Amino acid sequence: MEEQLMTINEVISVVAGLVSIILGFLAIALSLWFYRQTKDTEKNVSGSLTKIETQAEMLQKITGRQLDRLTKYVTESKRDNQDEQTSAIIKVIAQLPAMLLPQQTQGNFQADKMAQIQI
């Protein structure tokens, strides 16, 4: 009987050893596959990063040009037209009281007429 138990133990040991070897090869294959996948992803990310850096540089140049143009427009073009615009605004403001007074007196006159008609 002991011989049979040894053979059963030996069979179990051989099967366990084969399963361990198969799992070892599977682990090595998976690690190689993951390594290849990582390298491919690294290449894709590197390409995307290069594109993003190029776009960021272009946006920086465009923004710099726009800021220069805006600064130039704000500082130079307003000085020439500022005096003319200021004098035109002052004239309009000076005419406002004269334009509003006839409308107010005319409005009061119409309100007095309405009050007399209702009485």
PDB file of N, CA and C in Angstrom:
ATOM      1  N   MET A   1       0.805  -1.199   0.000  1.00  0.00           N
ATOM      2  CA  MET A   1       0.000   0.000   0.000  1.00  0.00           C
ATOM      3  C   MET A   1       0.843   1.255   0.000  1.00  0.00           C
ATOM      4  N   GLU A   2       1.915   1.122   0.645  1.00  0.00           N
ATOM      5  CA  GLU A   2       2.764   2.298   0.707  1.00  0.00           C
ATOM      6  C   GLU A   2       3.315   2.631  -0.662  1.00  0.00           C
ATOM      7  N   GLU A   3       3.498   1.650  -1.452  1.00  0.00           N
ATOM      8  CA  GLU A   3       3.983   1.913  -2.806  1.00  0.00           C
ATOM      9  C   GLU A   3       2.943   2.666  -3.610  1.00  0.00           C
ATOM     10  N   GLN A   4       1.692   2.345  -3.420  1.00  0.00           N
ATOM     11  CA  GLN A   4       0.639   3.043  -4.138  1.00  0.00           C
ATOM     12  C   GLN A   4       0.548   4.488  -3.670  1.00  0.00           C
ATOM     13  N   LEU A   5       0.704   4.712  -2.388  1.00  0.00           N
ATOM     14  CA  LEU A   5       0.646   6.078  -1.874  1.00  0.00           C
ATOM     15  C   LEU A   5       1.806   6.887  -2.404  1.00  0.00           C
ATOM     16  N   MET A   6       2.922   6.280  -2.548  1.00  0.00           N
ATOM     17  CA  MET A   6       4.068   6.984  -3.104  1.00  0.00           C
ATOM     18  C   MET A   6       3.809   7.327  -4.554  1.00  0.00           C
ATOM     19  N   THR A   7       3.237   6.473  -5.260  1.00  0.00           N
ATOM     20  CA  THR A   7       2.976   6.761  -6.657  1.00  0.00           C
ATOM     21  C   THR A   7       1.919   7.848  -6.781  1.00  0.00           C
ATOM     22  N   ILE A   8       0.918   7.837  -5.934  1.00  0.00           N
ATOM     23  CA  ILE A   8      -0.097   8.904  -5.974  1.00  0.00           C
ATOM     24  C   ILE A   8       0.564  10.224  -5.590  1.00  0.00           C
ATOM     25  N   ASN A   9       1.412  10.196  -4.581  1.00  0.00           N
ATOM     26  CA  ASN A   9       2.132  11.412  -4.183  1.00  0.00           C
ATOM     27  C   ASN A   9       3.070  11.864  -5.286  1.00  0.00           C
ATOM     28  N   GLU A  10       3.704  10.915  -5.941  1.00  0.00           N
ATOM     29  CA  GLU A  10       4.597  11.272  -7.037  1.00  0.00           C
ATOM     30  C   GLU A  10       3.816  11.868  -8.203  1.00  0.00           C
ATOM     31  N   VAL A  11       2.669  11.322  -8.515  1.00  0.00           N
ATOM     32  CA  VAL A  11       1.826  11.841  -9.606  1.00  0.00           C
ATOM     33  C   VAL A  11       1.366  13.258  -9.279  1.00  0.00           C
ATOM     34  N   ILE A  12       0.944  13.457  -8.061  1.00  0.00           N
ATOM     35  CA  ILE A  12       0.491  14.793  -7.644  1.00  0.00           C
ATOM     36  C   ILE A  12       1.660  15.772  -7.722  1.00  0.00           C
ATOM     37  N   SER A  13       2.833  15.336  -7.330  1.00  0.00           N
ATOM     38  CA  SER A  13       4.003  16.211  -7.378  1.00  0.00           C
ATOM     39  C   SER A  13       4.384  16.546  -8.812  1.00  0.00           C
ATOM     40  N   VAL A  14       4.332  15.575  -9.703  1.00  0.00           N
ATOM     41  CA  VAL A  14       4.661  15.811 -11.113  1.00  0.00           C
ATOM     42  C   VAL A  14       3.634  16.751 -11.742  1.00  0.00           C
ATOM     43  N   VAL A  15       2.376  16.537 -11.469  1.00  0.00           N
ATOM     44  CA  VAL A  15       1.321  17.409 -12.013  1.00  0.00           C
ATOM     45  C   VAL A  15       1.489  18.822 -11.471  1.00  0.00           C
ATOM     46  N   ALA A  16       1.745  18.964 -10.207  1.00  0.00           N
ATOM     47  CA  ALA A  16       1.946  20.287  -9.611  1.00  0.00           C
ATOM     48  C   ALA A  16       3.166  20.960 -10.221  1.00  0.00           C
ATOM     49  N   GLY A  17       4.218  20.214 -10.476  1.00  0.00           N
ATOM     50  CA  GLY A  17       5.414  20.777 -11.105  1.00  0.00           C
ATOM     51  C   GLY A  17       5.140  21.236 -12.521  1.00  0.00           C
ATOM     52  N   LEU A  18       4.390  20.428 -13.294  1.00  0.00           N
ATOM     53  CA  LEU A  18       4.029  20.830 -14.674  1.00  0.00           C
ATOM     54  C   LEU A  18       3.149  22.080 -14.682  1.00  0.00           C
ATOM     55  N   VAL A  19       2.193  22.150 -13.770  1.00  0.00           N
ATOM     56  CA  VAL A  19       1.326  23.338 -13.674  1.00  0.00           C
ATOM     57  C   VAL A  19       2.165  24.558 -13.322  1.00  0.00           C
ATOM     58  N   SER A  20       3.117  24.395 -12.446  1.00  0.00           N
ATOM     59  CA  SER A  20       3.988  25.515 -12.074  1.00  0.00           C
ATOM     60  C   SER A  20       4.816  25.985 -13.259  1.00  0.00           C
ATOM     61  N   ILE A  21       5.348  25.033 -14.032  1.00  0.00           N
ATOM     62  CA  ILE A  21       6.136  25.408 -15.210  1.00  0.00           C
ATOM     63  C   ILE A  21       5.269  26.107 -16.243  1.00  0.00           C
ATOM     64  N   ILE A  22       4.052  25.605 -16.470  1.00  0.00           N
ATOM     65  CA  ILE A  22       3.134  26.238 -17.433  1.00  0.00           C
ATOM     66  C   ILE A  22       2.777  27.651 -16.969  1.00  0.00           C
ATOM     67  N   LEU A  23       2.483  27.800 -15.692  1.00  0.00           N
ATOM     68  CA  LEU A  23       2.164  29.137 -15.163  1.00  0.00           C
ATOM     69  C   LEU A  23       3.362  30.077 -15.263  1.00  0.00           C
ATOM     70  N   GLY A  24       4.568  29.554 -15.093  1.00  0.00           N
ATOM     71  CA  GLY A  24       5.776  30.371 -15.231  1.00  0.00           C
ATOM     72  C   GLY A  24       5.941  30.887 -16.657  1.00  0.00           C
ATOM     73  N   PHE A  25       5.737  29.970 -17.651  1.00  0.00           N
ATOM     74  CA  PHE A  25       5.823  30.403 -19.049  1.00  0.00           C
ATOM     75  C   PHE A  25       4.721  31.409 -19.395  1.00  0.00           C
ATOM     76  N   LEU A  26       3.526  31.179 -18.840  1.00  0.00           N
ATOM     77  CA  LEU A  26       2.423  32.124 -19.069  1.00  0.00           C
ATOM     78  C   LEU A  26       2.758  33.496 -18.479  1.00  0.00           C
ATOM     79  N   ALA A  27       3.354  33.520 -17.309  1.00  0.00           N
ATOM     80  CA  ALA A  27       3.730  34.793 -16.672  1.00  0.00           C
ATOM     81  C   ALA A  27       4.798  35.508 -17.489  1.00  0.00           C
ATOM     82  N   ILE A  28       5.772  34.753 -18.017  1.00  0.00           N
ATOM     83  CA  ILE A  28       6.817  35.364 -18.844  1.00  0.00           C
ATOM     84  C   ILE A  28       6.219  35.908 -20.138  1.00  0.00           C
ATOM     85  N   ALA A  29       5.296  35.142 -20.759  1.00  0.00           N
ATOM     86  CA  ALA A  29       4.656  35.600 -22.001  1.00  0.00           C
ATOM     87  C   ALA A  29       3.845  36.867 -21.763  1.00  0.00           C
ATOM     88  N   LEU A  30       3.105  36.894 -20.669  1.00  0.00           N
ATOM     89  CA  LEU A  30       2.313  38.095 -20.349  1.00  0.00           C
ATOM     90  C   LEU A  30       3.217  39.299 -20.084  1.00  0.00           C
ATOM     91  N   SER A  31       4.317  39.090 -19.394  1.00  0.00           N
ATOM     92  CA  SER A  31       5.212  40.214 -19.116  1.00  0.00           C
ATOM     93  C   SER A  31       5.818  40.754 -20.412  1.00  0.00           C
ATOM     94  N   LEU A  32       6.161  39.875 -21.362  1.00  0.00           N
ATOM     95  CA  LEU A  32       6.673  40.334 -22.660  1.00  0.00           C
ATOM     96  C   LEU A  32       5.593  41.075 -23.449  1.00  0.00           C
ATOM     97  N   TRP A  33       4.369  40.572 -23.396  1.00  0.00           N
ATOM     98  CA  TRP A  33       3.261  41.232 -24.110  1.00  0.00           C
ATOM     99  C   TRP A  33       3.005  42.623 -23.517  1.00  0.00           C
ATOM    100  N   PHE A  34       2.986  42.713 -22.180  1.00  0.00           N
ATOM    101  CA  PHE A  34       2.788  44.016 -21.530  1.00  0.00           C
ATOM    102  C   PHE A  34       3.926  44.971 -21.861  1.00  0.00           C
ATOM    103  N   TYR A  35       5.140  44.458 -21.952  1.00  0.00           N
ATOM    104  CA  TYR A  35       6.291  45.294 -22.292  1.00  0.00           C
ATOM    105  C   TYR A  35       6.123  45.875 -23.695  1.00  0.00           C
ATOM    106  N   ARG A  36       5.709  45.030 -24.656  1.00  0.00           N
ATOM    107  CA  ARG A  36       5.489  45.525 -26.023  1.00  0.00           C
ATOM    108  C   ARG A  36       4.365  46.558 -26.068  1.00  0.00           C
ATOM    109  N   GLN A  37       3.293  46.283 -25.352  1.00  0.00           N
ATOM    110  CA  GLN A  37       2.174  47.223 -25.315  1.00  0.00           C
ATOM    111  C   GLN A  37       2.613  48.564 -24.713  1.00  0.00           C
ATOM    112  N   THR A  38       3.429  48.524 -23.692  1.00  0.00           N
ATOM    113  CA  THR A  38       3.928  49.745 -23.062  1.00  0.00           C
ATOM    114  C   THR A  38       4.798  50.542 -24.028  1.00  0.00           C
ATOM    115  N   LYS A  39       5.646  49.859 -24.789  1.00  0.00           N
ATOM    116  CA  LYS A  39       6.502  50.552 -25.764  1.00  0.00           C
ATOM    117  C   LYS A  39       5.656  51.208 -26.855  1.00  0.00           C
ATOM    118  N   ASP A  40       4.619  50.502 -27.336  1.00  0.00           N
ATOM    119  CA  ASP A  40       3.738  51.096 -28.353  1.00  0.00           C
ATOM    120  C   ASP A  40       3.013  52.320 -27.803  1.00  0.00           C
ATOM    121  N   THR A  41       2.523  52.210 -26.574  1.00  0.00           N
ATOM    122  CA  THR A  41       1.831  53.340 -25.949  1.00  0.00           C
ATOM    123  C   THR A  41       2.787  54.502 -25.743  1.00  0.00           C
ATOM    124  N   GLU A  42       4.018  54.202 -25.374  1.00  0.00           N
ATOM    125  CA  GLU A  42       5.014  55.258 -25.184  1.00  0.00           C
ATOM    126  C   GLU A  42       5.275  56.008 -26.489  1.00  0.00           C
ATOM    127  N   LYS A  43       5.355  55.276 -27.597  1.00  0.00           N
ATOM    128  CA  LYS A  43       5.562  55.917 -28.899  1.00  0.00           C
ATOM    129  C   LYS A  43       4.377  56.814 -29.245  1.00  0.00           C
ATOM    130  N   ASN A  44       3.160  56.325 -29.009  1.00  0.00           N
ATOM    131  CA  ASN A  44       1.967  57.126 -29.308  1.00  0.00           C
ATOM    132  C   ASN A  44       1.915  58.389 -28.438  1.00  0.00           C
ATOM    133  N   VAL A  45       2.211  58.237 -27.171  1.00  0.00           N
ATOM    134  CA  VAL A  45       2.190  59.392 -26.261  1.00  0.00           C
ATOM    135  C   VAL A  45       3.276  60.386 -26.636  1.00  0.00           C
ATOM    136  N   SER A  46       4.427  59.887 -27.032  1.00  0.00           N
ATOM    137  CA  SER A  46       5.523  60.773 -27.430  1.00  0.00           C
ATOM    138  C   SER A  46       5.132  61.584 -28.666  1.00  0.00           C
ATOM    139  N   GLY A  47       4.499  60.922 -29.634  1.00  0.00           N
ATOM    140  CA  GLY A  47       4.032  61.643 -30.824  1.00  0.00           C
ATOM    141  C   GLY A  47       2.993  62.689 -30.480  1.00  0.00           C
ATOM    142  N   SER A  48       2.054  62.337 -29.598  1.00  0.00           N
ATOM    143  CA  SER A  48       1.028  63.283 -29.182  1.00  0.00           C
ATOM    144  C   SER A  48       1.633  64.461 -28.429  1.00  0.00           C
ATOM    145  N   LEU A  49       2.611  64.183 -27.587  1.00  0.00           N
ATOM    146  CA  LEU A  49       3.273  65.247 -26.836  1.00  0.00           C
ATOM    147  C   LEU A  49       3.985  66.212 -27.775  1.00  0.00           C
ATOM    148  N   THR A  50       4.625  65.696 -28.807  1.00  0.00           N
ATOM    149  CA  THR A  50       5.299  66.555 -29.782  1.00  0.00           C
ATOM    150  C   THR A  50       4.289  67.457 -30.479  1.00  0.00           C
ATOM    151  N   LYS A  51       3.149  66.888 -30.849  1.00  0.00           N
ATOM    152  CA  LYS A  51       2.103  67.690 -31.493  1.00  0.00           C
ATOM    153  C   LYS A  51       1.572  68.771 -30.546  1.00  0.00           C
ATOM    154  N   ILE A  52       1.359  68.411 -29.292  1.00  0.00           N
ATOM    155  CA  ILE A  52       0.854  69.379 -28.316  1.00  0.00           C
ATOM    156  C   ILE A  52       1.863  70.498 -28.092  1.00  0.00           C
ATOM    157  N   GLU A  53       3.135  70.156 -28.004  1.00  0.00           N
ATOM    158  CA  GLU A  53       4.171  71.180 -27.824  1.00  0.00           C
ATOM    159  C   GLU A  53       4.201  72.127 -29.018  1.00  0.00           C
ATOM    160  N   THR A  54       4.074  71.581 -30.236  1.00  0.00           N
ATOM    161  CA  THR A  54       4.064  72.420 -31.440  1.00  0.00           C
ATOM    162  C   THR A  54       2.868  73.360 -31.420  1.00  0.00           C
ATOM    163  N   GLN A  55       1.702  72.836 -31.077  1.00  0.00           N
ATOM    164  CA  GLN A  55       0.506  73.671 -31.019  1.00  0.00           C
ATOM    165  C   GLN A  55       0.625  74.737 -29.936  1.00  0.00           C
ATOM    166  N   ALA A  56       1.202  74.385 -28.797  1.00  0.00           N
ATOM    167  CA  ALA A  56       1.362  75.367 -27.721  1.00  0.00           C
ATOM    168  C   ALA A  56       2.296  76.498 -28.144  1.00  0.00           C
ATOM    169  N   GLU A  57       3.369  76.154 -28.851  1.00  0.00           N
ATOM    170  CA  GLU A  57       4.283  77.193 -29.340  1.00  0.00           C
ATOM    171  C   GLU A  57       3.573  78.113 -30.336  1.00  0.00           C
ATOM    172  N   MET A  58       2.785  77.533 -31.241  1.00  0.00           N
ATOM    173  CA  MET A  58       2.061  78.346 -32.216  1.00  0.00           C
ATOM    174  C   MET A  58       1.061  79.263 -31.507  1.00  0.00           C
ATOM    175  N   LEU A  59       0.339  78.719 -30.531  1.00  0.00           N
ATOM    176  CA  LEU A  59      -0.616  79.539 -29.785  1.00  0.00           C
ATOM    177  C   LEU A  59       0.082  80.650 -29.025  1.00  0.00           C
ATOM    178  N   GLN A  60       1.250  80.381 -28.500  1.00  0.00           N
ATOM    179  CA  GLN A  60       2.009  81.406 -27.782  1.00  0.00           C
ATOM    180  C   GLN A  60       2.421  82.525 -28.730  1.00  0.00           C
ATOM    181  N   LYS A  61       2.861  82.160 -29.933  1.00  0.00           N
ATOM    182  CA  LYS A  61       3.244  83.179 -30.912  1.00  0.00           C
ATOM    183  C   LYS A  61       2.040  84.004 -31.340  1.00  0.00           C
ATOM    184  N   ILE A  62       0.918  83.336 -31.607  1.00  0.00           N
ATOM    185  CA  ILE A  62      -0.294  84.043 -32.029  1.00  0.00           C
ATOM    186  C   ILE A  62      -0.778  84.975 -30.929  1.00  0.00           C
ATOM    187  N   THR A  63      -0.784  84.483 -29.699  1.00  0.00           N
ATOM    188  CA  THR A  63      -1.229  85.307 -28.578  1.00  0.00           C
ATOM    189  C   THR A  63      -0.310  86.509 -28.392  1.00  0.00           C
ATOM    190  N   GLY A  64       0.986  86.320 -28.548  1.00  0.00           N
ATOM    191  CA  GLY A  64       1.934  87.437 -28.437  1.00  0.00           C
ATOM    192  C   GLY A  64       1.681  88.493 -29.490  1.00  0.00           C
ATOM    193  N   ARG A  65       1.421  88.027 -30.729  1.00  0.00           N
ATOM    194  CA  ARG A  65       1.135  88.997 -31.807  1.00  0.00           C
ATOM    195  C   ARG A  65      -0.157  89.752 -31.533  1.00  0.00           C
ATOM    196  N   GLN A  66      -1.187  89.035 -31.080  1.00  0.00           N
ATOM    197  CA  GLN A  66      -2.458  89.695 -30.788  1.00  0.00           C
ATOM    198  C   GLN A  66      -2.311  90.704 -29.657  1.00  0.00           C
ATOM    199  N   LEU A  67      -1.549  90.348 -28.650  1.00  0.00           N
ATOM    200  CA  LEU A  67      -1.333  91.269 -27.536  1.00  0.00           C
ATOM    201  C   LEU A  67      -0.562  92.502 -27.991  1.00  0.00           C
ATOM    202  N   ASP A  68       0.429  92.307 -28.850  1.00  0.00           N
ATOM    203  CA  ASP A  68       1.174  93.451 -29.383  1.00  0.00           C
ATOM    204  C   ASP A  68       0.264  94.366 -30.190  1.00  0.00           C
ATOM    205  N   ARG A  69      -0.571  93.769 -31.032  1.00  0.00           N
ATOM    206  CA  ARG A  69      -1.500  94.572 -31.841  1.00  0.00           C
ATOM    207  C   ARG A  69      -2.488  95.323 -30.964  1.00  0.00           C
ATOM    208  N   LEU A  70      -3.023  94.640 -29.945  1.00  0.00           N
ATOM    209  CA  LEU A  70      -3.975  95.284 -29.045  1.00  0.00           C
ATOM    210  C   LEU A  70      -3.316  96.435 -28.303  1.00  0.00           C
ATOM    211  N   THR A  71      -2.115  96.217 -27.797  1.00  0.00           N
ATOM    212  CA  THR A  71      -1.397  97.271 -27.080  1.00  0.00           C
ATOM    213  C   THR A  71      -1.135  98.457 -27.999  1.00  0.00           C
ATOM    214  N   LYS A  72      -0.736  98.183 -29.225  1.00  0.00           N
ATOM    215  CA  LYS A  72      -0.480  99.252 -30.187  1.00  0.00           C
ATOM    216  C   LYS A  72      -1.766 100.016 -30.497  1.00  0.00           C
ATOM    217  N   TYR A  73      -2.864  99.298 -30.694  1.00  0.00           N
ATOM    218  CA  TYR A  73      -4.137  99.955 -31.003  1.00  0.00           C
ATOM    219  C   TYR A  73      -4.611 100.820 -29.848  1.00  0.00           C
ATOM    220  N   VAL A  74      -4.516 100.285 -28.648  1.00  0.00           N
ATOM    221  CA  VAL A  74      -5.008 101.015 -27.480  1.00  0.00           C
ATOM    222  C   VAL A  74      -4.168 102.253 -27.212  1.00  0.00           C
ATOM    223  N   THR A  75      -2.877 102.180 -27.398  1.00  0.00           N
ATOM    224  CA  THR A  75      -2.020 103.307 -27.042  1.00  0.00           C
ATOM    225  C   THR A  75      -1.905 104.354 -28.143  1.00  0.00           C
ATOM    226  N   GLU A  76      -1.986 103.972 -29.400  1.00  0.00           N
ATOM    227  CA  GLU A  76      -1.742 104.926 -30.473  1.00  0.00           C
ATOM    228  C   GLU A  76      -3.002 105.495 -31.107  1.00  0.00           C
ATOM    229  N   SER A  77      -3.967 104.688 -31.446  1.00  0.00           N
ATOM    230  CA  SER A  77      -5.098 105.184 -32.229  1.00  0.00           C
ATOM    231  C   SER A  77      -6.068 106.017 -31.403  1.00  0.00           C
ATOM    232  N   LYS A  78      -6.153 105.808 -30.129  1.00  0.00           N
ATOM    233  CA  LYS A  78      -7.096 106.556 -29.299  1.00  0.00           C
ATOM    234  C   LYS A  78      -6.657 108.005 -29.093  1.00  0.00           C
ATOM    235  N   ARG A  79      -5.397 108.287 -29.141  1.00  0.00           N
ATOM    236  CA  ARG A  79      -4.928 109.650 -28.898  1.00  0.00           C
ATOM    237  C   ARG A  79      -5.408 110.605 -29.973  1.00  0.00           C
ATOM    238  N   ASP A  80      -5.463 110.172 -31.228  1.00  0.00           N
ATOM    239  CA  ASP A  80      -5.871 111.051 -32.313  1.00  0.00           C
ATOM    240  C   ASP A  80      -7.356 111.375 -32.256  1.00  0.00           C
ATOM    241  N   ASN A  81      -8.178 110.385 -32.018  1.00  0.00           N
ATOM    242  CA  ASN A  81      -9.623 110.577 -32.053  1.00  0.00           C
ATOM    243  C   ASN A  81     -10.197 111.009 -30.715  1.00  0.00           C
ATOM    244  N   GLN A  82      -9.425 110.982 -29.680  1.00  0.00           N
ATOM    245  CA  GLN A  82      -9.944 111.249 -28.344  1.00  0.00           C
ATOM    246  C   GLN A  82     -10.444 112.687 -28.205  1.00  0.00           C
ATOM    247  N   ASP A  83      -9.731 113.660 -28.722  1.00  0.00           N
ATOM    248  CA  ASP A  83     -10.143 115.054 -28.598  1.00  0.00           C
ATOM    249  C   ASP A  83     -11.440 115.312 -29.356  1.00  0.00           C
ATOM    250  N   GLU A  84     -11.566 114.764 -30.554  1.00  0.00           N
ATOM    251  CA  GLU A  84     -12.784 114.950 -31.338  1.00  0.00           C
ATOM    252  C   GLU A  84     -13.982 114.295 -30.663  1.00  0.00           C
ATOM    253  N   GLN A  85     -13.794 113.114 -30.151  1.00  0.00           N
ATOM    254  CA  GLN A  85     -14.891 112.411 -29.491  1.00  0.00           C
ATOM    255  C   GLN A  85     -15.297 113.113 -28.204  1.00  0.00           C
ATOM    256  N   THR A  86     -14.347 113.589 -27.462  1.00  0.00           N
ATOM    257  CA  THR A  86     -14.649 114.282 -26.210  1.00  0.00           C
ATOM    258  C   THR A  86     -15.426 115.560 -26.474  1.00  0.00           C
ATOM    259  N   SER A  87     -15.025 116.312 -27.474  1.00  0.00           N
ATOM    260  CA  SER A  87     -15.749 117.548 -27.771  1.00  0.00           C
ATOM    261  C   SER A  87     -17.149 117.247 -28.290  1.00  0.00           C
ATOM    262  N   ALA A  88     -17.333 116.185 -29.050  1.00  0.00           N
ATOM    263  CA  ALA A  88     -18.670 115.826 -29.544  1.00  0.00           C
ATOM    264  C   ALA A  88     -19.563 115.406 -28.382  1.00  0.00           C
ATOM    265  N   ILE A  89     -19.032 114.668 -27.432  1.00  0.00           N
ATOM    266  CA  ILE A  89     -19.817 114.245 -26.274  1.00  0.00           C
ATOM    267  C   ILE A  89     -20.203 115.444 -25.418  1.00  0.00           C
ATOM    268  N   ILE A  90     -19.300 116.386 -25.240  1.00  0.00           N
ATOM    269  CA  ILE A  90     -19.594 117.585 -24.441  1.00  0.00           C
ATOM    270  C   ILE A  90     -20.704 118.399 -25.107  1.00  0.00           C
ATOM    271  N   LYS A  91     -20.689 118.525 -26.431  1.00  0.00           N
ATOM    272  CA  LYS A  91     -21.737 119.261 -27.141  1.00  0.00           C
ATOM    273  C   LYS A  91     -23.090 118.610 -26.953  1.00  0.00           C
ATOM    274  N   VAL A  92     -23.135 117.286 -27.044  1.00  0.00           N
ATOM    275  CA  VAL A  92     -24.407 116.574 -26.877  1.00  0.00           C
ATOM    276  C   VAL A  92     -24.919 116.733 -25.453  1.00  0.00           C
ATOM    277  N   ILE A  93     -24.043 116.637 -24.479  1.00  0.00           N
ATOM    278  CA  ILE A  93     -24.459 116.787 -23.083  1.00  0.00           C
ATOM    279  C   ILE A  93     -24.952 118.209 -22.822  1.00  0.00           C
ATOM    280  N   ALA A  94     -24.313 119.192 -23.440  1.00  0.00           N
ATOM    281  CA  ALA A  94     -24.742 120.578 -23.252  1.00  0.00           C
ATOM    282  C   ALA A  94     -26.120 120.810 -23.857  1.00  0.00           C
ATOM    283  N   GLN A  95     -26.481 120.096 -24.906  1.00  0.00           N
ATOM    284  CA  GLN A  95     -27.779 120.282 -25.565  1.00  0.00           C
ATOM    285  C   GLN A  95     -28.903 119.502 -24.885  1.00  0.00           C
ATOM    286  N   LEU A  96     -28.583 118.561 -24.034  1.00  0.00           N
ATOM    287  CA  LEU A  96     -29.603 117.742 -23.388  1.00  0.00           C
ATOM    288  C   LEU A  96     -30.615 118.557 -22.566  1.00  0.00           C
ATOM    289  N   PRO A  97     -30.200 119.488 -21.706  1.00  0.00           N
ATOM    290  CA  PRO A  97     -31.209 120.246 -20.939  1.00  0.00           C
ATOM    291  C   PRO A  97     -32.159 121.032 -21.840  1.00  0.00           C
ATOM    292  N   ALA A  98     -31.618 121.586 -22.914  1.00  0.00           N
ATOM    293  CA  ALA A  98     -32.473 122.355 -23.807  1.00  0.00           C
ATOM    294  C   ALA A  98     -33.461 121.445 -24.538  1.00  0.00           C
ATOM    295  N   MET A  99     -33.041 120.220 -24.813  1.00  0.00           N
ATOM    296  CA  MET A  99     -33.929 119.286 -25.509  1.00  0.00           C
ATOM    297  C   MET A  99     -34.980 118.708 -24.567  1.00  0.00           C
ATOM    298  N   LEU A 100     -34.648 118.554 -23.288  1.00  0.00           N
ATOM    299  CA  LEU A 100     -35.577 117.945 -22.332  1.00  0.00           C
ATOM    300  C   LEU A 100     -36.609 118.938 -21.801  1.00  0.00           C
ATOM    301  N   LEU A 101     -36.255 120.204 -21.686  1.00  0.00           N
ATOM    302  CA  LEU A 101     -37.184 121.191 -21.123  1.00  0.00           C
ATOM    303  C   LEU A 101     -38.448 121.349 -21.962  1.00  0.00           C
ATOM    304  N   PRO A 102     -38.394 121.501 -23.276  1.00  0.00           N
ATOM    305  CA  PRO A 102     -39.647 121.626 -24.023  1.00  0.00           C
ATOM    306  C   PRO A 102     -40.524 120.385 -23.898  1.00  0.00           C
ATOM    307  N   GLN A 103     -39.941 119.215 -23.799  1.00  0.00           N
ATOM    308  CA  GLN A 103     -40.741 118.002 -23.680  1.00  0.00           C
ATOM    309  C   GLN A 103     -41.415 117.946 -22.319  1.00  0.00           C
ATOM    310  N   GLN A 104     -40.725 118.412 -21.287  1.00  0.00           N
ATOM    311  CA  GLN A 104     -41.312 118.396 -19.946  1.00  0.00           C
ATOM    312  C   GLN A 104     -42.446 119.399 -19.853  1.00  0.00           C
ATOM    313  N   THR A 105     -42.262 120.598 -20.385  1.00  0.00           N
ATOM    314  CA  THR A 105     -43.329 121.598 -20.316  1.00  0.00           C
ATOM    315  C   THR A 105     -44.503 121.175 -21.171  1.00  0.00           C
ATOM    316  N   GLN A 106     -44.241 120.557 -22.304  1.00  0.00           N
ATOM    317  CA  GLN A 106     -45.309 120.067 -23.166  1.00  0.00           C
ATOM    318  C   GLN A 106     -46.039 118.927 -22.460  1.00  0.00           C
ATOM    319  N   GLY A 107     -45.330 118.082 -21.761  1.00  0.00           N
ATOM    320  CA  GLY A 107     -45.938 116.985 -21.013  1.00  0.00           C
ATOM    321  C   GLY A 107     -46.785 117.517 -19.877  1.00  0.00           C
ATOM    322  N   ASN A 108     -46.327 118.574 -19.176  1.00  0.00           N
ATOM    323  CA  ASN A 108     -47.101 119.179 -18.095  1.00  0.00           C
ATOM    324  C   ASN A 108     -48.360 119.846 -18.648  1.00  0.00           C
ATOM    325  N   PHE A 109     -48.247 120.476 -19.825  1.00  0.00           N
ATOM    326  CA  PHE A 109     -49.387 121.139 -20.463  1.00  0.00           C
ATOM    327  C   PHE A 109     -50.457 120.099 -20.815  1.00  0.00           C
ATOM    328  N   GLN A 110     -50.051 118.972 -21.349  1.00  0.00           N
ATOM    329  CA  GLN A 110     -51.003 117.908 -21.698  1.00  0.00           C
ATOM    330  C   GLN A 110     -51.631 117.324 -20.442  1.00  0.00           C
ATOM    331  N   ALA A 111     -50.871 117.201 -19.378  1.00  0.00           N
ATOM    332  CA  ALA A 111     -51.404 116.672 -18.112  1.00  0.00           C
ATOM    333  C   ALA A 111     -52.419 117.648 -17.532  1.00  0.00           C
ATOM    334  N   ASP A 112     -52.191 118.972 -17.650  1.00  0.00           N
ATOM    335  CA  ASP A 112     -53.153 119.961 -17.155  1.00  0.00           C
ATOM    336  C   ASP A 112     -54.424 119.891 -17.964  1.00  0.00           C
ATOM    337  N   LYS A 113     -54.335 119.731 -19.277  1.00  0.00           N
ATOM    338  CA  LYS A 113     -55.526 119.606 -20.121  1.00  0.00           C
ATOM    339  C   LYS A 113     -56.354 118.389 -19.719  1.00  0.00           C
ATOM    340  N   MET A 114     -55.666 117.249 -19.464  1.00  0.00           N
ATOM    341  CA  MET A 114     -56.365 116.027 -19.083  1.00  0.00           C
ATOM    342  C   MET A 114     -57.073 116.219 -17.744  1.00  0.00           C
ATOM    343  N   ALA A 115     -56.433 116.955 -16.837  1.00  0.00           N
ATOM    344  CA  ALA A 115     -57.041 117.216 -15.528  1.00  0.00           C
ATOM    345  C   ALA A 115     -58.269 118.090 -15.684  1.00  0.00           C
ATOM    346  N   GLN A 116     -58.258 119.072 -16.579  1.00  0.00           N
ATOM    347  CA  GLN A 116     -59.395 119.949 -16.777  1.00  0.00           C
ATOM    348  C   GLN A 116     -60.547 119.189 -17.446  1.00  0.00           C
ATOM    349  N   ILE A 117     -60.218 118.287 -18.332  1.00  0.00           N
ATOM    350  CA  ILE A 117     -61.274 117.526 -19.039  1.00  0.00           C
ATOM    351  C   ILE A 117     -61.967 116.598 -18.056  1.00  0.00           C
ATOM    352  N   GLN A 118     -61.272 116.022 -17.111  1.00  0.00           N
ATOM    353  CA  GLN A 118     -61.879 115.091 -16.167  1.00  0.00           C
ATOM    354  C   GLN A 118     -62.739 115.804 -15.152  1.00  0.00           C
ATOM    355  N   ILE A 119     -62.488 117.085 -14.899  1.00  0.00           N
ATOM    356  CA  ILE A 119     -63.282 117.833 -13.914  1.00  0.00           C
ATOM    357  C   ILE A 119     -64.581 118.154 -14.531  1.00  0.00           C
TER     358      ILE A 119
END
